[in-house]
Amino acid sequence: MHNYCDIMPHATGWVYVIDGVQSASFYHSYELALDAARTCLAARGGRDSRVFRCQSLNGNMLPIEIAAVMQPPGTGIGPIAYR
């Protein structure tokens, strides 16, 4: 069984959902939401493996790569280097 961390579009920007709990705040960009999710997981400690996913334009949840920050699926923009 996988543990998921979902990066989801929201009316006010982007949010992350970990263990079914949505982030208390929203983020202006997809990259900021992904960074915040990583920070939240790091602050919890532990080494649980998470599958990071993003909601595509058709509503499907697609896995995203951890090594690179991907633009949201369906935007036509490829991966960008993570700094």
N, C-alpha and C. Protein backbone atom coordinates (compact mmCIF):
# COMPACT_ATOMS: atom_id res chain seq x y z
N MET A 1 0.85 -1.18 0.00
CA MET A 1 0.00 0.00 0.00
C MET A 1 0.89 1.24 0.00
N HIS A 2 0.54 2.19 -0.84
CA HIS A 2 1.32 3.42 -0.96
C HIS A 2 0.74 4.51 -0.07
N ASN A 3 1.62 5.37 0.40
CA ASN A 3 1.21 6.59 1.08
C ASN A 3 1.34 7.71 0.06
N TYR A 4 0.30 8.50 -0.09
CA TYR A 4 0.29 9.52 -1.12
C TYR A 4 0.40 10.92 -0.54
N CYS A 5 1.03 11.78 -1.29
CA CYS A 5 1.06 13.21 -1.03
C CYS A 5 0.58 13.86 -2.32
N ASP A 6 -0.61 14.42 -2.29
CA ASP A 6 -1.23 14.97 -3.50
C ASP A 6 -1.07 16.48 -3.57
N ILE A 7 -0.68 16.98 -4.73
CA ILE A 7 -0.61 18.41 -5.01
C ILE A 7 -1.83 18.71 -5.87
N MET A 8 -2.72 19.54 -5.34
CA MET A 8 -4.02 19.75 -5.98
C MET A 8 -4.28 21.22 -6.29
N PRO A 9 -4.92 21.48 -7.43
CA PRO A 9 -5.34 22.86 -7.70
C PRO A 9 -6.46 23.24 -6.75
N HIS A 10 -6.49 24.50 -6.38
CA HIS A 10 -7.49 25.02 -5.45
C HIS A 10 -7.95 26.36 -6.00
N ALA A 11 -9.10 26.81 -5.62
CA ALA A 11 -9.63 28.09 -6.12
C ALA A 11 -8.70 29.26 -5.81
N THR A 12 -7.89 29.12 -4.77
CA THR A 12 -6.99 30.21 -4.38
C THR A 12 -5.54 29.95 -4.78
N GLY A 13 -5.26 28.85 -5.46
CA GLY A 13 -3.90 28.52 -5.87
C GLY A 13 -3.70 27.02 -5.86
N TRP A 14 -2.72 26.54 -5.09
CA TRP A 14 -2.42 25.12 -4.97
C TRP A 14 -2.36 24.73 -3.50
N VAL A 15 -2.73 23.49 -3.19
CA VAL A 15 -2.64 22.95 -1.84
C VAL A 15 -2.02 21.55 -1.94
N TYR A 16 -1.57 21.04 -0.80
CA TYR A 16 -1.14 19.65 -0.75
C TYR A 16 -2.04 18.91 0.23
N VAL A 17 -2.18 17.62 0.01
CA VAL A 17 -3.00 16.76 0.87
C VAL A 17 -2.13 15.58 1.30
N ILE A 18 -1.91 15.46 2.61
CA ILE A 18 -1.12 14.35 3.17
C ILE A 18 -2.01 13.62 4.16
N ASP A 19 -2.11 12.32 3.99
CA ASP A 19 -2.95 11.47 4.85
C ASP A 19 -4.39 11.98 4.92
N GLY A 20 -4.89 12.49 3.81
CA GLY A 20 -6.26 12.96 3.74
C GLY A 20 -6.50 14.33 4.35
N VAL A 21 -5.43 14.99 4.81
CA VAL A 21 -5.57 16.30 5.44
C VAL A 21 -4.97 17.36 4.51
N GLN A 22 -5.80 18.33 4.16
CA GLN A 22 -5.37 19.41 3.27
C GLN A 22 -4.53 20.43 4.03
N SER A 23 -3.55 21.00 3.35
CA SER A 23 -2.71 22.03 3.97
C SER A 23 -3.58 23.20 4.43
N ALA A 24 -3.17 23.81 5.53
CA ALA A 24 -3.96 24.91 6.11
C ALA A 24 -3.92 26.15 5.23
N SER A 25 -2.86 26.31 4.48
CA SER A 25 -2.75 27.49 3.62
C SER A 25 -2.63 27.05 2.17
N PHE A 26 -2.78 28.00 1.28
CA PHE A 26 -2.63 27.72 -0.15
C PHE A 26 -1.33 28.34 -0.63
N TYR A 27 -0.90 27.91 -1.80
CA TYR A 27 0.36 28.38 -2.37
C TYR A 27 0.10 28.92 -3.77
N HIS A 28 0.80 29.97 -4.12
CA HIS A 28 0.56 30.65 -5.39
C HIS A 28 1.02 29.85 -6.60
N SER A 29 1.94 28.92 -6.39
CA SER A 29 2.42 28.13 -7.52
C SER A 29 2.50 26.66 -7.14
N TYR A 30 2.53 25.86 -8.16
CA TYR A 30 2.66 24.41 -8.01
C TYR A 30 3.96 24.06 -7.29
N GLU A 31 5.05 24.72 -7.69
CA GLU A 31 6.36 24.46 -7.09
C GLU A 31 6.38 24.78 -5.60
N LEU A 32 5.75 25.88 -5.20
CA LEU A 32 5.70 26.25 -3.78
C LEU A 32 4.92 25.21 -2.97
N ALA A 33 3.83 24.71 -3.52
CA ALA A 33 3.04 23.69 -2.83
C ALA A 33 3.85 22.40 -2.67
N LEU A 34 4.60 22.03 -3.71
CA LEU A 34 5.43 20.83 -3.65
C LEU A 34 6.54 21.00 -2.61
N ASP A 35 7.19 22.15 -2.60
CA ASP A 35 8.23 22.41 -1.61
C ASP A 35 7.67 22.39 -0.18
N ALA A 36 6.49 22.97 0.01
CA ALA A 36 5.86 22.99 1.33
C ALA A 36 5.52 21.57 1.78
N ALA A 37 5.05 20.73 0.87
CA ALA A 37 4.74 19.34 1.22
C ALA A 37 6.00 18.60 1.62
N ARG A 38 7.08 18.79 0.89
CA ARG A 38 8.35 18.16 1.24
C ARG A 38 8.83 18.62 2.61
N THR A 39 8.72 19.92 2.87
CA THR A 39 9.13 20.47 4.16
C THR A 39 8.29 19.89 5.29
N CYS A 40 7.00 19.79 5.10
CA CYS A 40 6.10 19.23 6.11
C CYS A 40 6.47 17.79 6.41
N LEU A 41 6.75 17.00 5.38
CA LEU A 41 7.12 15.60 5.59
C LEU A 41 8.48 15.50 6.30
N ALA A 42 9.42 16.38 5.95
CA ALA A 42 10.73 16.37 6.60
C ALA A 42 10.61 16.74 8.07
N ALA A 43 9.72 17.69 8.38
CA ALA A 43 9.54 18.12 9.77
C ALA A 43 8.94 17.01 10.63
N ARG A 44 8.18 16.13 10.02
CA ARG A 44 7.60 14.99 10.75
C ARG A 44 8.65 13.97 11.12
N GLY A 45 9.79 14.04 10.45
CA GLY A 45 10.82 13.03 10.68
C GLY A 45 10.41 11.73 10.01
N GLY A 46 11.04 10.68 10.40
CA GLY A 46 10.69 9.39 9.81
C GLY A 46 11.10 9.32 8.35
N ARG A 47 11.10 8.13 7.84
CA ARG A 47 11.52 7.91 6.47
C ARG A 47 10.43 7.20 5.68
N ASP A 48 9.18 7.57 5.92
CA ASP A 48 8.13 6.89 5.16
C ASP A 48 8.23 7.28 3.69
N SER A 49 7.98 6.33 2.83
CA SER A 49 8.06 6.61 1.40
C SER A 49 6.70 7.10 0.92
N ARG A 50 6.73 8.19 0.25
CA ARG A 50 5.50 8.78 -0.27
C ARG A 50 5.55 8.78 -1.79
N VAL A 51 4.40 8.63 -2.39
CA VAL A 51 4.25 8.80 -3.82
C VAL A 51 3.62 10.17 -4.01
N PHE A 52 4.36 11.08 -4.62
CA PHE A 52 3.84 12.41 -4.89
C PHE A 52 3.02 12.35 -6.17
N ARG A 53 1.81 12.93 -6.09
CA ARG A 53 0.93 12.93 -7.25
C ARG A 53 0.38 14.33 -7.48
N CYS A 54 -0.04 14.56 -8.70
CA CYS A 54 -0.66 15.83 -9.07
C CYS A 54 -1.93 15.52 -9.85
N GLN A 55 -2.93 16.35 -9.65
CA GLN A 55 -4.19 16.15 -10.35
C GLN A 55 -4.09 16.73 -11.75
N SER A 56 -4.36 15.93 -12.76
CA SER A 56 -4.32 16.39 -14.14
C SER A 56 -5.61 17.13 -14.49
N LEU A 57 -5.65 17.68 -15.66
CA LEU A 57 -6.82 18.46 -16.09
C LEU A 57 -8.09 17.61 -16.18
N ASN A 58 -7.94 16.30 -16.43
CA ASN A 58 -9.13 15.45 -16.51
C ASN A 58 -9.50 14.83 -15.16
N GLY A 59 -8.78 15.22 -14.09
CA GLY A 59 -9.11 14.76 -12.75
C GLY A 59 -8.34 13.55 -12.28
N ASN A 60 -7.60 12.90 -13.16
CA ASN A 60 -6.80 11.74 -12.76
C ASN A 60 -5.61 12.18 -11.92
N MET A 61 -5.22 11.34 -10.97
CA MET A 61 -4.04 11.60 -10.15
C MET A 61 -2.85 10.90 -10.79
N LEU A 62 -1.85 11.69 -11.20
CA LEU A 62 -0.68 11.16 -11.86
C LEU A 62 0.54 11.31 -10.97
N PRO A 63 1.39 10.27 -10.90
CA PRO A 63 2.60 10.37 -10.09
C PRO A 63 3.56 11.40 -10.70
N ILE A 64 4.28 12.09 -9.84
CA ILE A 64 5.28 13.04 -10.32
C ILE A 64 6.64 12.59 -9.83
N GLU A 65 7.68 13.02 -10.52
CA GLU A 65 9.03 12.62 -10.16
C GLU A 65 9.50 13.44 -8.97
N ILE A 66 10.23 12.80 -8.08
CA ILE A 66 10.75 13.47 -6.90
C ILE A 66 12.01 14.26 -7.26
N ALA A 67 12.83 13.73 -8.17
CA ALA A 67 14.12 14.35 -8.49
C ALA A 67 13.97 15.67 -9.23
N ALA A 68 12.89 15.86 -9.92
CA ALA A 68 12.68 17.09 -10.69
C ALA A 68 11.29 17.62 -10.41
N VAL A 69 11.14 18.90 -10.43
CA VAL A 69 9.84 19.51 -10.25
C VAL A 69 9.18 19.53 -11.62
N MET A 70 8.01 18.93 -11.71
CA MET A 70 7.29 18.87 -12.97
C MET A 70 6.20 19.93 -12.97
N GLN A 71 5.99 20.50 -14.12
CA GLN A 71 4.85 21.39 -14.27
C GLN A 71 3.61 20.52 -14.22
N PRO A 72 2.47 21.08 -13.85
CA PRO A 72 1.25 20.28 -13.79
C PRO A 72 0.97 19.59 -15.12
N PRO A 73 0.54 18.32 -15.08
CA PRO A 73 0.24 17.59 -16.31
C PRO A 73 -0.79 18.32 -17.15
N GLY A 74 -0.62 18.23 -18.46
CA GLY A 74 -1.58 18.84 -19.37
C GLY A 74 -1.27 20.29 -19.71
N THR A 75 -0.20 20.86 -19.15
CA THR A 75 0.12 22.25 -19.47
C THR A 75 1.00 22.37 -20.69
N GLY A 76 1.61 21.22 -21.12
CA GLY A 76 2.48 21.26 -22.28
C GLY A 76 3.88 21.75 -21.94
N ILE A 77 4.16 21.96 -20.65
CA ILE A 77 5.47 22.44 -20.22
C ILE A 77 6.20 21.27 -19.59
N GLY A 78 7.41 21.01 -20.03
CA GLY A 78 8.19 19.88 -19.54
C GLY A 78 8.78 20.13 -18.17
N PRO A 79 9.63 19.20 -17.71
CA PRO A 79 10.24 19.34 -16.38
C PRO A 79 11.22 20.50 -16.33
N ILE A 80 11.32 21.08 -15.15
CA ILE A 80 12.32 22.13 -14.93
C ILE A 80 13.23 21.65 -13.82
N ALA A 81 14.44 22.14 -13.82
CA ALA A 81 15.41 21.70 -12.81
C ALA A 81 14.99 22.22 -11.44
N TYR A 82 15.15 21.39 -10.43
CA TYR A 82 14.84 21.78 -9.07
C TYR A 82 16.06 22.44 -8.45
N ARG A 83 15.90 23.59 -7.85
CA ARG A 83 17.02 24.31 -7.25
C ARG A 83 16.89 24.34 -5.78
